[in-house]
Every structure is written in C-alpha cells, then in structure tokens.
C-alpha cells in the first residue's frame, strides 16, 4: 500500500482529551461550534465526524456512556433512531446524496475507533463515489473543507431536527 502524507490527521493521533471524547463533547456545550456539534436533544446529540469517510459524515451519540446498546433505555434508543431517520432526510435534501450508509461498530474487534461509547454513523454516498484512488490506492480525497460542510449541516439541522419533549 502506498503512503499519503496527511498532516491534518496528526490531531487524531495526538488528541489530548482525557477520558471519553464523546463524553467531553457532551459535557462542553459552550464548545459546540469548535467541536462540530450539529444538534443537542434530551438523550443524544449529533456531531460531525472529524475524520469523515465522505463529506457530511456525522454521528448520533447518546449522552449515556456505554459500550453496549442493549443497556440503553428504550427512550434513548427511540430518540437516537428517530434522529437517524431525520439525518438521512437532511443529507438527501441538503447535499443531494443518493444513498447513506448507517452503522454502528460495536466493540474494537468490530472496527469501533471509540469502542467505549456507542454511536451511529451516517455516511453520505453518491453514485460512483468510490474509484481507483479509493478502492485500489486505498486513499481518500476530500475536496471540500470540513468547516464549509459543518456550516451547511449546522444550518440544515436547525431546520430538520425538532427537539423532543422526552
């Protein structure tokens, strides 16, 4: 496999946040813009993925720190699931995506980068968005700045996500 110099990812490897990064985000609403938070509801919140697979990739995360979805209260699970549906609609309407990968990697052996705190991924997809450089070269190229995508999704989230009264 070829190497690609990507100095912007050094932040991922040198993150100095103590403890769970998702709990840190949950506990610091005053830093929402800097952390890429899209919305907050009573039991979960939405946040941009700092290291996205495609532009617009974001996550829905419960405030409760757990690695096991089976321990989540039904109300929490229902709220997360409702926001996943809303998130798909938002991605389709805001970015014109043709598909969305939705998923959870439960446990490190299943591919979870942050295994200690469950979270949904919503990954926007377009027709032919994988090509030689991605499938053969194993390199991802993002032609859109993170901040611009965040601003578009943040604005769209104000219109799409109606906070619940759980």
Protein backbone atom coordinates (compact mmCIF):
# COMPACT_ATOMS: atom_id res chain seq x y z
CA UNK A 1 0.00 0.00 0.00
CA UNK A 2 1.19 3.49 -0.86
CA UNK A 3 1.57 6.14 1.83
CA UNK A 4 -0.06 9.54 1.65
CA UNK A 5 1.23 12.41 3.74
CA UNK A 6 -1.78 13.83 5.63
CA UNK A 7 -0.57 16.14 8.40
CA UNK A 8 -4.11 17.26 9.29
CA UNK A 9 -4.72 13.79 10.77
CA UNK A 10 -1.97 14.25 13.37
CA UNK A 11 -4.64 15.74 15.66
CA UNK A 12 -6.38 12.33 15.69
CA UNK A 13 -3.25 10.58 16.93
CA UNK A 14 -2.23 13.26 19.42
CA UNK A 15 -5.68 14.07 20.86
CA UNK A 16 -5.05 15.17 24.44
CA UNK A 17 -8.67 14.86 25.61
CA UNK A 18 -8.69 12.94 28.87
CA UNK A 19 -11.26 10.17 29.05
CA UNK A 20 -14.01 9.62 26.51
CA UNK A 21 -14.07 12.15 23.66
CA UNK A 22 -17.84 11.74 23.28
CA UNK A 23 -18.42 12.47 26.98
CA UNK A 24 -16.14 15.50 26.64
CA UNK A 25 -18.30 16.79 23.77
CA UNK A 26 -21.47 16.06 25.75
CA UNK A 27 -20.13 17.96 28.78
CA UNK A 28 -18.91 21.08 26.96
CA UNK A 29 -21.87 22.69 25.13
CA UNK A 30 -20.05 26.01 25.17
CA UNK A 31 -17.61 24.50 22.63
CA UNK A 32 -20.28 23.15 20.25
CA UNK A 33 -19.11 25.08 17.21
CA UNK A 34 -15.45 24.18 17.68
CA UNK A 35 -16.37 20.52 18.25
CA UNK A 36 -18.74 20.32 15.28
CA UNK A 37 -21.96 19.69 17.22
CA UNK A 38 -25.00 19.85 14.94
CA UNK A 39 -27.79 19.48 17.50
CA UNK A 40 -28.48 18.50 21.09
CA UNK A 41 -31.61 16.76 22.34
CA UNK A 42 -32.58 15.33 25.71
CA UNK A 43 -30.90 11.92 25.31
CA UNK A 44 -28.48 12.29 22.40
CA UNK A 45 -26.68 14.73 20.16
CA UNK A 46 -25.35 14.92 16.60
CA UNK A 47 -21.75 15.78 15.78
CA UNK A 48 -19.63 15.91 12.65
CA UNK A 49 -17.03 13.19 12.30
CA UNK A 50 -13.65 14.96 12.46
CA UNK A 51 -12.16 12.25 10.23
CA UNK A 52 -15.00 11.60 7.77
CA UNK A 53 -15.24 8.86 5.19
CA UNK A 54 -17.14 11.25 2.92
CA UNK A 55 -18.10 14.93 3.23
CA UNK A 56 -21.09 15.29 5.56
CA UNK A 57 -20.34 12.16 7.63
CA UNK A 58 -21.76 12.72 11.10
CA UNK A 59 -22.68 10.70 14.16
CA UNK A 60 -25.56 10.45 16.60
CA UNK A 61 -24.39 9.74 20.13
CA UNK A 62 -26.23 9.09 23.39
CA UNK A 63 -25.21 11.16 26.41
CA UNK A 64 -25.04 7.94 28.39
CA UNK A 65 -21.54 6.47 28.36
CA UNK A 66 -21.92 2.81 27.45
CA UNK A 67 -20.36 0.33 25.08
CA UNK A 68 -23.49 -1.84 24.97
CA UNK A 69 -26.61 -0.82 23.05
CA UNK A 70 -28.57 -3.46 24.93
CA UNK A 71 -28.22 -1.41 28.14
CA UNK A 72 -29.67 1.78 26.64
CA UNK A 73 -33.11 2.74 27.85
CA UNK A 74 -35.79 2.38 25.15
CA UNK A 75 -36.49 6.11 25.22
CA UNK A 76 -32.82 6.83 24.44
CA UNK A 77 -32.76 4.23 21.67
CA UNK A 78 -36.00 5.56 20.18
CA UNK A 79 -34.73 9.13 20.16
CA UNK A 80 -31.44 8.12 18.52
CA UNK A 81 -33.30 6.08 15.89
CA UNK A 82 -35.67 8.95 15.14
CA UNK A 83 -32.70 11.27 14.64
CA UNK A 84 -31.05 8.76 12.31
CA UNK A 85 -34.15 8.92 10.09
CA UNK A 86 -34.14 12.71 10.22
CA UNK A 87 -30.42 12.76 9.49
CA UNK A 88 -30.87 10.67 6.35
CA UNK A 89 -33.59 13.03 5.14
CA UNK A 90 -31.39 16.04 5.90
CA UNK A 91 -28.43 14.60 3.96
CA UNK A 92 -30.62 13.84 0.96
CA UNK A 93 -32.23 17.29 0.93
CA UNK A 94 -29.15 19.33 1.80
CA UNK A 95 -26.44 17.55 -0.21
CA UNK A 96 -28.44 15.59 -2.76
CA UNK A 97 -26.91 12.31 -1.63
CA UNK A 98 -28.21 9.21 -3.38
CA UNK A 99 -27.56 6.86 -0.50
CA UNK A 100 -26.45 6.78 3.12
CA UNK A 101 -24.51 4.13 4.99
CA UNK A 102 -25.85 3.86 8.53
CA UNK A 103 -23.99 1.82 11.06
CA UNK A 104 -22.51 1.07 14.44
CA UNK A 105 -19.29 -0.76 15.11
CA UNK A 106 -19.82 -2.39 18.49
CA UNK A 107 -16.50 -3.27 20.06
CA UNK A 108 -12.94 -2.73 18.96
CA UNK A 109 -12.83 -6.07 17.12
CA UNK A 110 -15.84 -4.87 15.06
CA UNK A 111 -13.92 -1.78 13.96
CA UNK A 112 -15.00 0.78 16.55
CA UNK A 113 -12.44 3.54 16.89
CA UNK A 114 -14.11 4.71 20.10
CA UNK A 115 -15.43 1.40 21.40
CA UNK A 116 -16.29 2.57 24.91
CA UNK A 117 -19.18 4.82 23.81
CA UNK A 118 -21.77 3.61 21.28
CA UNK A 119 -22.62 5.85 18.36
CA UNK A 120 -24.37 5.76 14.98
CA UNK A 121 -22.52 6.78 11.82
CA UNK A 122 -24.37 8.40 8.93
CA UNK A 123 -22.10 8.35 5.87
CA UNK A 124 -23.40 10.14 2.75
CA UNK A 125 -22.89 8.30 -0.54
CA UNK A 126 -23.09 9.32 -4.20
CA UNK A 127 -23.15 7.26 -7.38
CA UNK A 128 -19.58 6.24 -8.29
CA UNK A 129 -18.07 7.92 -5.22
CA UNK A 130 -15.53 5.12 -4.99
CA UNK A 131 -12.93 4.98 -7.70
CA UNK A 132 -9.40 3.85 -8.38
CA UNK A 133 -7.78 6.01 -5.74
CA UNK A 134 -10.17 4.75 -3.04
CA UNK A 135 -10.54 1.09 -3.94
CA UNK A 136 -7.11 0.31 -5.34
CA UNK A 137 -4.96 3.11 -3.96
CA UNK A 138 -6.63 2.93 -0.52
CA UNK A 139 -6.59 6.72 -0.29
CA UNK A 140 -9.49 9.07 0.44
CA UNK A 141 -9.52 12.53 -1.08
CA UNK A 142 -11.82 15.19 0.36
CA UNK A 143 -12.23 18.17 -1.92
CA UNK A 144 -14.41 20.16 0.46
CA UNK A 145 -13.19 21.88 3.65
CA UNK A 146 -14.59 20.49 6.91
CA UNK A 147 -15.76 23.92 8.09
CA UNK A 148 -17.88 24.54 4.98
CA UNK A 149 -19.62 21.18 5.33
CA UNK A 150 -20.18 21.82 9.03
CA UNK A 151 -21.82 25.17 8.33
CA UNK A 152 -24.19 23.65 5.75
CA UNK A 153 -25.14 20.76 8.03
CA UNK A 154 -25.50 23.01 11.07
CA UNK A 155 -27.91 25.27 9.18
CA UNK A 156 -29.84 22.27 7.86
CA UNK A 157 -30.01 20.72 11.31
CA UNK A 158 -31.81 23.81 12.61
CA UNK A 159 -34.49 23.19 10.01
CA UNK A 160 -34.67 19.39 10.26
CA UNK A 161 -34.09 18.33 13.85
CA UNK A 162 -37.03 19.18 16.05
CA UNK A 163 -36.01 18.58 19.62
CA UNK A 164 -38.23 16.21 21.51
CA UNK A 165 -40.03 16.57 24.77
CA UNK A 166 -38.97 13.15 26.10
